[in-house]
Amino acid sequence: MNLLMEGLINVLNIQVILILLLGIISGIAIGSLPGLTATMGVALVLPITFGMEAVPGILLLIGVYFGSVYGGSLTAILINTPGTPASAATAMDGYAMSRKGLAHKALTISTLSSSIGGILSVIVLILVAPQLANFALRFSAPETFALAVFGISIISSISGKSMVKGLMAGILGLLIATIGIDPMGGFPRFTFGNMNLANGLNLIPVMIGLFAASEAFKSMEDIFSKQNLDIKVEKVKLKWVEFKSLIITILRSAGIGTFIGMIPGAGGDITSFVAYNEAKRFSKNKDEFGKGAMKGIAAPEAANNSVTGGAMIPLLTLGIPGDAVTAVLLGALMVQGLQPGPLLFQNNGPIVYTLFVGMLLANIFLLVIGLFGIKYFTKILLVPKSILSPIILVLCVVGSYALNNNYFDVIVMLIAGIIGYFMVKLKFPVSPVILGLILGPLMESNLRRSLLMSQGNLSIFYTRPITLVLLVLAIITLLSPIVSKVFKRKLIK
């Protein structure tokens, strides 16, 4: 308690508060731009912190981190353009609400869920960090493979009306994920001699193309066919009764996000889809998902923002980064003379607890800035589509090129945009492709590592309790929509 009070005193400094606010605002701007991920944002700001003291320097990076994760949801909800991969799940119901004129309410849900999820994950970080970190270390290759399989099984929940089309889209994502250098053998696969394909297709350009560019192409088609494209922006506020119905979903999703965030390599991309699936599983009105369900926004946003605290648990307690962003933060801590690990709390207790308080304050600032900015964020919907669509396309090109300064990524984005356009026209869901791309490499590499560990013995997947539970859950998740439809048909008959 004394350390927390000392941390509070250290944070309540005008200079530290201004730096934290600057980090959050910068992060929101970075996260909302297609192609600029949280990792890239933190990496860009990192050199600025070299000449700063430890606390303000690290809190600046944490502000950018938290703001970027939240910022990705803004464009996902407003223009169906996820700023970060973790916001892809939010776009499914967020954009549907926006098209109904409920963008104000959708952004309110996103902001509240994000900040609550973040605050809860930091509280968990403060209270039980060492114990949870030790449990997360039990996740070896078989457990991570089972988690990836569970993630893939979620395709059944995000496939819309046709599960067959959803599975086809998911398989397409898995096939695309096999392009590049074999993770175990080191030989090229499906590169056709093109060096640009050696590292596989980058997720970000594919995601930008499938979501943003395809939407821009569709809008342009509507412009030329002179269809009415205006979206009404009604200032419909979130009622207390509505928010009350979301509390359980937010708490459950925050728990999922914090737990998965602790597992090295998992990250917020898979977390948001897992939370979305669980929200749909526990919902009484499953049919509303994909059409503007409030829980479809609350679940992924609470989850991917709670990853921020969860990923910090193994970083601070064991020195193992939970995701790509915390890997950059690991370098920042070491530059400041702080060595993450078991002795960090012992040797630098006051600084650690100052960071904890700063993280809590960052989520509170995120709530205030988000709620204050909603009326300005929604103004983007008032821009005519004839102006907005070309701007979105330009941002798609700039965002794709900025990743590696490579025109090949722009070509990938445009091809993905054309494919996404035809998928929308033929009513194929886009999200399963992204899910397959995210989880394909994780599933393949850990499957092969598991088989190496067991010398080809498949018993490794059902003799380890955590692995068995996750695989059983995956089977239940995949089959539950089919069983539900059969049961409904029998009831109708």
Protein backbone atom coordinates (compact mmCIF):
# COMPACT_ATOMS: atom_id res chain seq x y z
CA MET A 1 0.00 0.00 0.00
CA ASN A 2 2.86 2.37 0.80
CA LEU A 3 4.40 1.68 -2.59
CA LEU A 4 1.09 2.46 -4.31
CA MET A 5 0.78 5.75 -2.45
CA GLU A 6 4.34 6.62 -3.40
CA GLY A 7 3.54 5.74 -7.00
CA LEU A 8 0.45 7.98 -6.91
CA ILE A 9 2.51 10.91 -5.63
CA ASN A 10 5.09 10.38 -8.40
CA VAL A 11 2.43 10.29 -11.12
CA LEU A 12 0.51 13.33 -9.87
CA ASN A 13 3.09 15.60 -11.42
CA ILE A 14 2.03 18.08 -14.09
CA GLN A 15 4.92 17.10 -16.37
CA VAL A 16 4.17 13.37 -16.09
CA ILE A 17 0.43 13.92 -16.64
CA LEU A 18 1.02 16.06 -19.75
CA ILE A 19 3.43 13.46 -21.18
CA LEU A 20 0.89 10.69 -20.52
CA LEU A 21 -1.88 12.71 -22.21
CA LEU A 22 0.39 13.40 -25.18
CA GLY A 23 1.12 9.69 -25.49
CA ILE A 24 -2.58 8.73 -25.41
CA ILE A 25 -3.62 11.35 -27.98
CA SER A 26 -0.73 10.37 -30.26
CA GLY A 27 -1.66 6.70 -29.82
CA ILE A 28 -5.31 7.30 -30.76
CA ALA A 29 -4.18 9.11 -33.92
CA ILE A 30 -1.72 6.32 -34.81
CA GLY A 31 -4.19 3.51 -34.07
CA SER A 32 -6.95 5.03 -36.19
CA LEU A 33 -4.76 5.20 -39.32
CA PRO A 34 -4.76 2.00 -41.42
CA GLY A 35 -1.36 0.36 -41.41
CA LEU A 36 0.05 2.12 -38.35
CA THR A 37 -0.17 -0.53 -35.62
CA ALA A 38 0.44 -0.12 -31.88
CA THR A 39 3.84 -1.79 -32.31
CA MET A 40 4.86 0.67 -34.99
CA GLY A 41 3.61 3.61 -32.92
CA VAL A 42 5.58 2.60 -29.81
CA ALA A 43 8.68 1.88 -31.93
CA LEU A 44 8.47 5.33 -33.57
CA VAL A 45 8.20 7.12 -30.23
CA LEU A 46 10.87 4.98 -28.51
CA PRO A 47 13.92 7.11 -29.55
CA ILE A 48 12.31 10.20 -28.01
CA THR A 49 12.39 8.55 -24.56
CA PHE A 50 16.15 7.90 -24.54
CA GLY A 51 16.93 11.31 -23.05
CA MET A 52 14.03 11.25 -20.58
CA GLU A 53 13.81 9.96 -17.01
CA ALA A 54 12.52 6.42 -16.50
CA VAL A 55 8.95 7.17 -15.33
CA PRO A 56 7.87 9.81 -17.90
CA GLY A 57 9.70 7.96 -20.69
CA ILE A 58 7.99 4.60 -20.04
CA LEU A 59 4.60 6.25 -19.41
CA LEU A 60 4.84 8.06 -22.76
CA LEU A 61 5.24 4.69 -24.48
CA ILE A 62 2.43 3.15 -22.40
CA GLY A 63 0.17 6.07 -23.38
CA VAL A 64 0.91 5.44 -27.07
CA TYR A 65 0.31 1.69 -26.55
CA PHE A 66 -3.06 2.09 -24.82
CA GLY A 67 -4.21 4.86 -27.18
CA SER A 68 -3.30 2.88 -30.31
CA VAL A 69 -5.28 -0.18 -29.23
CA TYR A 70 -8.34 1.99 -28.58
CA GLY A 71 -7.85 4.15 -31.69
CA GLY A 72 -8.19 1.18 -34.02
CA SER A 73 -11.87 0.86 -33.10
CA LEU A 74 -12.78 4.40 -34.22
CA THR A 75 -12.32 3.84 -37.94
CA ALA A 76 -13.52 0.23 -37.61
CA ILE A 77 -16.88 1.48 -36.34
CA LEU A 78 -17.21 4.60 -38.50
CA ILE A 79 -15.92 3.54 -41.93
CA ASN A 80 -15.37 -0.25 -41.63
CA THR A 81 -11.60 0.28 -41.66
CA PRO A 82 -9.94 -1.40 -38.66
CA GLY A 83 -6.93 0.68 -37.66
CA THR A 84 -5.31 -2.37 -36.06
CA PRO A 85 -5.81 -6.14 -36.56
CA ALA A 86 -7.30 -6.38 -33.06
CA SER A 87 -10.18 -4.11 -34.20
CA ALA A 88 -11.26 -6.40 -37.05
CA ALA A 89 -13.81 -8.13 -34.78
CA THR A 90 -15.23 -4.75 -33.68
CA ALA A 91 -15.94 -3.77 -37.29
CA MET A 92 -18.50 -6.56 -37.73
CA ASP A 93 -21.12 -5.04 -35.42
CA GLY A 94 -19.66 -1.55 -34.99
CA TYR A 95 -20.01 -0.61 -38.66
CA ALA A 96 -23.48 -2.20 -38.78
CA MET A 97 -24.56 0.09 -35.92
CA SER A 98 -22.95 3.05 -37.64
CA ARG A 99 -24.95 2.42 -40.82
CA LYS A 100 -28.11 2.46 -38.73
CA GLY A 101 -27.24 5.97 -37.53
CA LEU A 102 -26.10 4.74 -34.10
CA ALA A 103 -22.41 5.65 -34.45
CA HIS A 104 -22.56 7.80 -31.28
CA LYS A 105 -23.86 4.88 -29.23
CA ALA A 106 -21.40 2.44 -30.80
CA LEU A 107 -18.42 4.68 -29.97
CA THR A 108 -19.70 5.15 -26.43
CA ILE A 109 -19.86 1.38 -25.94
CA SER A 110 -16.38 1.01 -27.42
CA THR A 111 -14.91 3.72 -25.16
CA LEU A 112 -16.51 2.43 -21.96
CA SER A 113 -15.60 -1.20 -22.71
CA SER A 114 -12.02 -0.29 -23.64
CA SER A 115 -11.32 1.71 -20.51
CA ILE A 116 -13.04 -0.75 -18.14
CA GLY A 117 -11.20 -3.69 -19.73
CA GLY A 118 -7.91 -1.82 -19.41
CA ILE A 119 -8.50 -0.83 -15.78
CA LEU A 120 -9.48 -4.37 -14.77
CA SER A 121 -6.37 -5.85 -16.41
CA VAL A 122 -4.12 -3.39 -14.55
CA ILE A 123 -5.82 -4.27 -11.24
CA VAL A 124 -5.11 -7.94 -11.98
CA LEU A 125 -1.53 -6.97 -12.83
CA ILE A 126 -1.12 -5.26 -9.45
CA LEU A 127 -2.76 -7.98 -7.36
CA VAL A 128 -1.75 -11.33 -8.79
CA ALA A 129 0.95 -10.73 -11.41
CA PRO A 130 3.58 -13.27 -10.23
CA GLN A 131 1.09 -16.12 -9.71
CA LEU A 132 -0.59 -15.61 -13.09
CA ALA A 133 2.74 -15.31 -14.87
CA ASN A 134 3.83 -18.68 -13.49
CA PHE A 135 0.59 -20.26 -14.73
CA ALA A 136 1.03 -18.71 -18.20
CA LEU A 137 4.43 -20.37 -18.41
CA ARG A 138 2.68 -23.76 -18.46
CA PHE A 139 1.60 -22.90 -22.00
CA SER A 140 4.06 -24.78 -24.15
CA ALA A 141 3.70 -25.66 -27.87
CA PRO A 142 0.74 -28.11 -27.43
CA GLU A 143 -1.27 -25.63 -25.35
CA THR A 144 -0.60 -22.78 -27.80
CA PHE A 145 -1.59 -25.05 -30.70
CA ALA A 146 -4.85 -25.94 -28.92
CA LEU A 147 -5.52 -22.25 -28.27
CA ALA A 148 -5.00 -21.52 -31.97
CA VAL A 149 -7.37 -24.37 -32.93
CA PHE A 150 -9.94 -22.94 -30.51
CA GLY A 151 -9.49 -19.59 -32.22
CA ILE A 152 -10.01 -21.14 -35.66
CA SER A 153 -13.21 -22.83 -34.45
CA ILE A 154 -14.66 -19.36 -33.89
CA ILE A 155 -15.18 -19.19 -37.67
CA SER A 156 -18.51 -20.93 -37.03
CA SER A 157 -19.65 -17.91 -35.02
CA ILE A 158 -18.52 -15.19 -37.44
CA SER A 159 -19.67 -16.84 -40.67
CA GLY A 160 -23.03 -15.08 -40.83
CA LYS A 161 -25.90 -16.97 -42.43
CA SER A 162 -23.77 -19.50 -44.32
CA MET A 163 -21.32 -21.56 -42.30
CA VAL A 164 -20.06 -23.19 -45.52
CA LYS A 165 -19.04 -19.81 -46.94
CA GLY A 166 -17.42 -18.91 -43.61
CA LEU A 167 -15.39 -22.13 -43.59
CA MET A 168 -14.34 -21.53 -47.21
CA ALA A 169 -13.16 -18.03 -46.30
CA GLY A 170 -11.31 -19.38 -43.25
CA ILE A 171 -9.57 -22.04 -45.33
CA LEU A 172 -8.55 -19.34 -47.82
CA GLY A 173 -6.92 -17.43 -44.94
CA LEU A 174 -5.11 -20.56 -43.76
CA LEU A 175 -3.85 -21.26 -47.30
CA ILE A 176 -2.55 -17.70 -47.69
CA ALA A 177 -0.78 -18.08 -44.32
CA THR A 178 1.31 -20.95 -45.74
CA ILE A 179 3.04 -18.64 -48.24
CA GLY A 180 6.67 -17.89 -47.35
CA ILE A 181 9.56 -19.66 -45.68
CA ASP A 182 8.66 -22.88 -43.89
CA PRO A 183 8.91 -22.10 -40.12
CA MET A 184 10.64 -25.39 -39.27
CA GLY A 185 12.37 -26.58 -42.43
CA GLY A 186 13.44 -23.19 -43.76
CA PHE A 187 12.55 -23.86 -47.40
CA PRO A 188 10.32 -21.55 -49.51
CA ARG A 189 6.67 -22.41 -50.11
CA PHE A 190 4.45 -20.93 -52.86
CA THR A 191 6.84 -18.01 -53.41
CA PHE A 192 7.23 -18.74 -57.17
CA GLY A 193 10.73 -17.29 -57.03
CA ASN A 194 9.48 -13.88 -55.82
CA MET A 195 11.63 -12.58 -52.97
CA ASN A 196 8.78 -10.36 -51.76
CA LEU A 197 6.88 -13.52 -50.81
CA ALA A 198 9.76 -15.02 -48.81
CA ASN A 199 8.36 -13.69 -45.54
CA GLY A 200 4.77 -14.42 -46.53
CA LEU A 201 1.99 -11.95 -47.10
CA ASN A 202 1.93 -9.23 -44.47
CA LEU A 203 -1.31 -9.30 -42.47
CA ILE A 204 -1.78 -5.50 -42.43
CA PRO A 205 -2.01 -4.86 -46.22
CA VAL A 206 -4.32 -7.87 -46.61
CA MET A 207 -6.55 -6.61 -43.79
CA ILE A 208 -6.57 -3.04 -45.15
CA GLY A 209 -7.53 -4.36 -48.58
CA LEU A 210 -10.26 -6.75 -47.42
CA PHE A 211 -11.94 -4.22 -45.12
CA ALA A 212 -11.09 -0.66 -46.17
CA ALA A 213 -10.28 -0.83 -49.90
CA SER A 214 -13.18 -3.18 -50.64
CA GLU A 215 -15.55 -0.79 -48.83
CA ALA A 216 -14.13 2.13 -50.83
CA PHE A 217 -14.65 0.20 -54.10
CA LYS A 218 -18.22 -0.60 -53.09
CA SER A 219 -18.89 3.06 -52.22
CA MET A 220 -17.50 4.16 -55.59
CA GLU A 221 -19.81 1.70 -57.35
CA ASP A 222 -22.75 3.16 -55.43
CA ILE A 223 -21.62 6.69 -56.35
CA PHE A 224 -21.58 5.86 -60.07
CA SER A 225 -24.94 4.09 -59.82
CA LYS A 226 -26.24 7.21 -57.99
CA GLN A 227 -27.49 5.33 -54.97
CA ASN A 228 -28.24 7.22 -51.76
CA LEU A 229 -25.14 6.84 -49.62
CA ASP A 230 -25.88 9.27 -46.82
CA ILE A 231 -25.62 7.82 -43.33
CA LYS A 232 -27.63 9.61 -40.69
CA VAL A 233 -25.85 10.45 -37.47
CA GLU A 234 -28.32 10.38 -34.63
CA LYS A 235 -27.09 11.40 -31.21
CA VAL A 236 -28.68 8.40 -29.49
CA LYS A 237 -27.09 8.04 -26.07
CA LEU A 238 -26.37 4.76 -24.34
CA LYS A 239 -29.00 4.16 -21.66
CA TRP A 240 -28.09 2.85 -18.22
CA VAL A 241 -30.28 -0.24 -18.78
CA GLU A 242 -28.36 -0.99 -22.00
CA PHE A 243 -24.98 -0.52 -20.33
CA LYS A 244 -26.10 -2.69 -17.41
CA SER A 245 -26.82 -5.53 -19.86
CA LEU A 246 -23.22 -5.28 -21.12
CA ILE A 247 -21.45 -5.46 -17.74
CA ILE A 248 -21.18 -9.28 -17.60
CA THR A 249 -19.92 -9.35 -21.20
CA ILE A 250 -17.30 -6.70 -20.43
CA LEU A 251 -16.11 -8.50 -17.28
CA ARG A 252 -15.93 -11.87 -19.07
CA SER A 253 -14.10 -10.37 -22.05
CA ALA A 254 -11.66 -8.50 -19.80
CA GLY A 255 -10.83 -11.80 -18.09
CA ILE A 256 -10.29 -13.51 -21.46
CA GLY A 257 -8.11 -10.65 -22.68
CA THR A 258 -5.97 -10.54 -19.54
CA PHE A 259 -5.42 -14.30 -19.60
CA ILE A 260 -4.58 -14.58 -23.31
CA GLY A 261 -2.45 -11.43 -23.06
CA MET A 262 -0.18 -13.25 -20.59
CA ILE A 263 0.56 -16.02 -23.09
CA PRO A 264 3.65 -15.02 -25.06
CA GLY A 265 2.87 -14.67 -28.77
CA ALA A 266 -0.93 -14.73 -28.52
CA GLY A 267 -1.68 -10.99 -28.55
CA GLY A 268 -4.85 -8.98 -28.98
CA ASP A 269 -5.66 -10.18 -32.50
CA ILE A 270 -6.88 -13.63 -31.43
CA THR A 271 -8.26 -12.27 -28.14
CA SER A 272 -10.87 -10.02 -29.72
CA PHE A 273 -12.26 -12.88 -31.82
CA VAL A 274 -12.33 -15.29 -28.85
CA ALA A 275 -14.19 -12.72 -26.73
CA TYR A 276 -16.62 -12.03 -29.59
CA ASN A 277 -17.34 -15.74 -29.89
CA GLU A 278 -17.94 -16.12 -26.14
CA ALA A 279 -20.24 -13.10 -26.11
CA LYS A 280 -22.28 -14.70 -28.89
CA ARG A 281 -22.25 -18.09 -27.16
CA PHE A 282 -23.72 -16.65 -23.93
CA SER A 283 -26.16 -14.32 -25.68
CA LYS A 284 -29.88 -15.12 -25.81
CA ASN A 285 -30.17 -13.29 -29.17
CA LYS A 286 -27.41 -14.85 -31.29
CA ASP A 287 -29.02 -13.74 -34.54
CA GLU A 288 -28.39 -10.04 -33.80
CA PHE A 289 -24.60 -10.51 -33.98
CA GLY A 290 -23.20 -9.14 -37.23
CA LYS A 291 -26.20 -6.81 -37.55
CA GLY A 292 -25.29 -4.24 -34.90
CA ALA A 293 -25.24 -6.07 -31.57
CA MET A 294 -23.99 -3.95 -28.67
CA LYS A 295 -22.28 -6.99 -27.12
CA GLY A 296 -20.51 -7.50 -30.46
CA ILE A 297 -18.70 -4.20 -29.80
CA ALA A 298 -18.29 -4.45 -26.03
CA ALA A 299 -16.69 -7.92 -26.07
CA PRO A 300 -13.79 -7.41 -28.52
CA GLU A 301 -13.03 -3.91 -27.23
CA ALA A 302 -12.92 -4.96 -23.57
CA ALA A 303 -10.77 -7.94 -24.56
CA ASN A 304 -8.17 -6.28 -26.77
CA ASN A 305 -7.70 -3.41 -24.31
CA SER A 306 -7.31 -5.81 -21.39
CA VAL A 307 -4.48 -7.48 -23.30
CA THR A 308 -2.41 -4.37 -22.53
CA GLY A 309 -2.33 -5.18 -18.82
CA GLY A 310 -2.15 -8.93 -19.36
CA ALA A 311 0.88 -8.67 -21.65
CA MET A 312 2.70 -6.59 -19.03
CA ILE A 313 2.43 -9.42 -16.46
CA PRO A 314 5.06 -11.78 -17.94
CA LEU A 315 7.12 -8.77 -19.07
CA LEU A 316 7.55 -7.28 -15.60
CA THR A 317 7.59 -10.47 -13.53
CA LEU A 318 9.59 -12.78 -15.80
CA GLY A 319 11.16 -10.55 -18.42
CA ILE A 320 9.19 -12.32 -21.17
CA PRO A 321 7.20 -10.01 -23.50
CA GLY A 322 3.57 -11.05 -23.99
CA ASP A 323 3.28 -9.54 -27.48
CA ALA A 324 5.17 -7.46 -30.06
CA VAL A 325 4.52 -4.14 -28.29
CA THR A 326 5.81 -5.34 -24.93
CA ALA A 327 8.90 -6.63 -26.74
CA VAL A 328 9.61 -2.99 -27.67
CA LEU A 329 8.78 -1.93 -24.10
CA LEU A 330 11.28 -4.52 -22.84
CA GLY A 331 13.99 -2.69 -24.76
CA ALA A 332 12.78 0.66 -23.39
CA LEU A 333 12.91 -0.60 -19.79
CA MET A 334 16.45 -1.90 -20.26
CA VAL A 335 17.57 1.41 -21.81
CA GLN A 336 16.31 3.09 -18.63
CA GLY A 337 18.39 0.71 -16.50
CA LEU A 338 15.45 -1.47 -15.41
CA GLN A 339 15.90 -5.22 -15.80
CA PRO A 340 12.46 -6.92 -15.99
CA GLY A 341 12.23 -10.13 -13.99
CA PRO A 342 11.67 -11.41 -10.45
CA LEU A 343 14.14 -8.92 -8.93
CA LEU A 344 12.51 -5.89 -10.57
CA PHE A 345 9.90 -5.56 -7.79
CA GLN A 346 12.60 -5.95 -5.16
CA ASN A 347 15.17 -3.55 -6.57
CA ASN A 348 12.88 -0.95 -8.22
CA GLY A 349 9.61 -1.25 -6.29
CA PRO A 350 8.72 2.49 -6.26
CA ILE A 351 9.22 2.84 -10.03
CA VAL A 352 7.20 -0.31 -10.79
CA TYR A 353 4.24 0.84 -8.71
CA THR A 354 4.51 4.30 -10.25
CA LEU A 355 4.08 2.61 -13.63
CA PHE A 356 1.07 0.68 -12.28
CA VAL A 357 -0.62 3.91 -11.14
CA GLY A 358 0.29 5.53 -14.46
CA MET A 359 -1.38 2.67 -16.34
CA LEU A 360 -4.56 3.09 -14.29
CA LEU A 361 -4.49 6.83 -14.95
CA ALA A 362 -3.90 6.20 -18.68
CA ASN A 363 -7.12 4.17 -18.90
CA ILE A 364 -9.05 6.88 -17.04
CA PHE A 365 -7.67 9.53 -19.43
CA LEU A 366 -8.62 7.26 -22.33
CA LEU A 367 -12.21 7.20 -21.05
CA VAL A 368 -12.38 11.00 -20.69
CA ILE A 369 -10.73 11.75 -24.05
CA GLY A 370 -12.83 9.10 -25.81
CA LEU A 371 -16.18 10.30 -24.45
CA PHE A 372 -15.27 13.94 -25.09
CA GLY A 373 -14.14 13.21 -28.64
CA ILE A 374 -17.14 11.16 -29.79
CA LYS A 375 -19.04 14.19 -31.10
CA TYR A 376 -16.00 15.11 -33.18
CA PHE A 377 -15.19 11.56 -34.32
CA THR A 378 -18.69 11.10 -35.76
CA LYS A 379 -18.25 14.18 -38.00
CA ILE A 380 -16.38 11.91 -40.42
CA LEU A 381 -19.74 10.38 -41.38
CA LEU A 382 -20.97 13.79 -42.57
CA VAL A 383 -18.28 13.91 -45.27
CA PRO A 384 -19.85 12.98 -48.65
CA LYS A 385 -18.91 9.51 -49.83
CA SER A 386 -17.68 10.96 -53.14
CA ILE A 387 -14.95 12.73 -51.14
CA LEU A 388 -14.44 10.20 -48.35
CA SER A 389 -13.97 7.10 -50.55
CA PRO A 390 -10.95 8.46 -52.50
CA ILE A 391 -9.44 9.67 -49.21
CA ILE A 392 -9.83 6.17 -47.72
CA LEU A 393 -8.15 4.66 -50.78
CA VAL A 394 -5.23 7.10 -50.48
CA LEU A 395 -4.87 6.23 -46.77
CA CYS A 396 -4.94 2.53 -47.72
CA VAL A 397 -2.07 3.04 -50.16
CA VAL A 398 -0.05 5.19 -47.73
CA GLY A 399 -0.66 2.81 -44.81
CA SER A 400 0.36 -0.25 -46.82
CA TYR A 401 3.48 1.41 -48.24
CA ALA A 402 4.55 2.80 -44.84
CA LEU A 403 4.90 -0.70 -43.35
CA ASN A 404 8.08 -1.65 -45.21
CA ASN A 405 8.47 1.16 -47.77
CA ASN A 406 7.66 -1.48 -50.35
CA TYR A 407 5.33 -1.08 -53.35
CA PHE A 408 4.66 -4.83 -53.25
CA ASP A 409 2.56 -4.32 -50.08
CA VAL A 410 0.45 -1.77 -52.00
CA ILE A 411 -0.13 -4.34 -54.77
CA VAL A 412 -1.12 -6.94 -52.15
CA MET A 413 -3.53 -4.45 -50.60
CA LEU A 414 -5.20 -3.64 -53.95
CA ILE A 415 -5.54 -7.33 -54.89
CA ALA A 416 -7.00 -8.05 -51.42
CA GLY A 417 -9.36 -5.10 -51.92
CA ILE A 418 -10.65 -6.53 -55.22
CA ILE A 419 -11.06 -9.98 -53.65
CA GLY A 420 -12.84 -8.41 -50.66
CA TYR A 421 -15.16 -6.47 -52.98
CA PHE A 422 -16.26 -9.65 -54.75
CA MET A 423 -16.56 -11.49 -51.42
CA VAL A 424 -18.99 -8.81 -50.20
CA LYS A 425 -20.95 -8.97 -53.46
CA LEU A 426 -21.19 -12.78 -53.20
CA LYS A 427 -21.99 -12.54 -49.46
CA PHE A 428 -18.85 -14.29 -48.24
CA PRO A 429 -17.75 -13.14 -44.74
CA VAL A 430 -14.38 -11.37 -44.71
CA SER A 431 -13.42 -11.82 -41.04
CA PRO A 432 -12.67 -15.60 -41.29
CA VAL A 433 -9.92 -14.83 -43.84
CA ILE A 434 -8.22 -12.51 -41.35
CA LEU A 435 -8.69 -15.04 -38.57
CA GLY A 436 -7.06 -17.73 -40.70
CA LEU A 437 -4.16 -15.41 -41.55
CA ILE A 438 -3.59 -14.53 -37.88
CA LEU A 439 -3.84 -18.04 -36.48
CA GLY A 440 -2.45 -20.10 -39.37
CA PRO A 441 1.26 -19.55 -38.61
CA LEU A 442 0.66 -19.89 -34.85
CA MET A 443 -1.21 -23.17 -35.30
CA GLU A 444 1.21 -24.71 -37.82
CA SER A 445 4.46 -23.88 -36.00
CA ASN A 446 3.17 -25.07 -32.62
CA LEU A 447 1.67 -28.27 -34.10
CA ARG A 448 5.04 -29.19 -35.55
CA ARG A 449 6.90 -28.25 -32.37
CA SER A 450 4.48 -30.41 -30.38
CA LEU A 451 5.09 -33.40 -32.65
CA LEU A 452 8.85 -32.88 -32.32
CA MET A 453 8.47 -32.81 -28.53
CA SER A 454 6.54 -36.10 -28.55
CA GLN A 455 8.52 -37.67 -31.41
CA GLY A 456 5.36 -37.92 -33.49
CA ASN A 457 3.14 -39.31 -30.70
CA LEU A 458 -0.34 -37.72 -30.91
CA SER A 459 -1.03 -38.54 -27.25
CA ILE A 460 0.61 -35.22 -26.35
CA PHE A 461 -2.65 -33.51 -27.36
CA TYR A 462 -4.93 -35.45 -25.01
CA THR A 463 -2.67 -36.26 -22.05
CA ARG A 464 -2.04 -32.60 -21.16
CA PRO A 465 -5.10 -31.19 -19.31
CA ILE A 466 -5.03 -27.61 -20.66
CA THR A 467 -4.54 -28.84 -24.25
CA LEU A 468 -7.38 -31.35 -23.95
CA VAL A 469 -9.81 -28.78 -22.50
CA LEU A 470 -9.06 -26.26 -25.27
CA LEU A 471 -9.45 -28.88 -28.02
CA VAL A 472 -12.76 -30.09 -26.57
CA LEU A 473 -13.97 -26.47 -26.42
CA ALA A 474 -12.91 -26.03 -30.06
CA ILE A 475 -14.97 -29.05 -31.15
CA ILE A 476 -18.00 -27.84 -29.19
CA THR A 477 -17.66 -24.33 -30.66
CA LEU A 478 -17.38 -25.64 -34.21
CA LEU A 479 -20.31 -28.05 -33.93
CA SER A 480 -22.68 -25.98 -31.77
CA PRO A 481 -24.18 -23.92 -34.68
CA ILE A 482 -24.85 -27.13 -36.65
CA VAL A 483 -26.48 -28.84 -33.64
CA SER A 484 -28.51 -25.70 -32.96
CA LYS A 485 -29.86 -25.57 -36.53
CA VAL A 486 -30.78 -29.27 -36.50
CA PHE A 487 -32.54 -28.82 -33.14
CA LYS A 488 -34.50 -25.79 -34.45
CA ARG A 489 -35.59 -27.69 -37.55
CA LYS A 490 -36.89 -30.56 -35.40
CA LEU A 491 -38.82 -28.10 -33.23
CA ILE A 492 -40.36 -26.47 -36.31
CA LYS A 493 -41.42 -29.88 -37.66
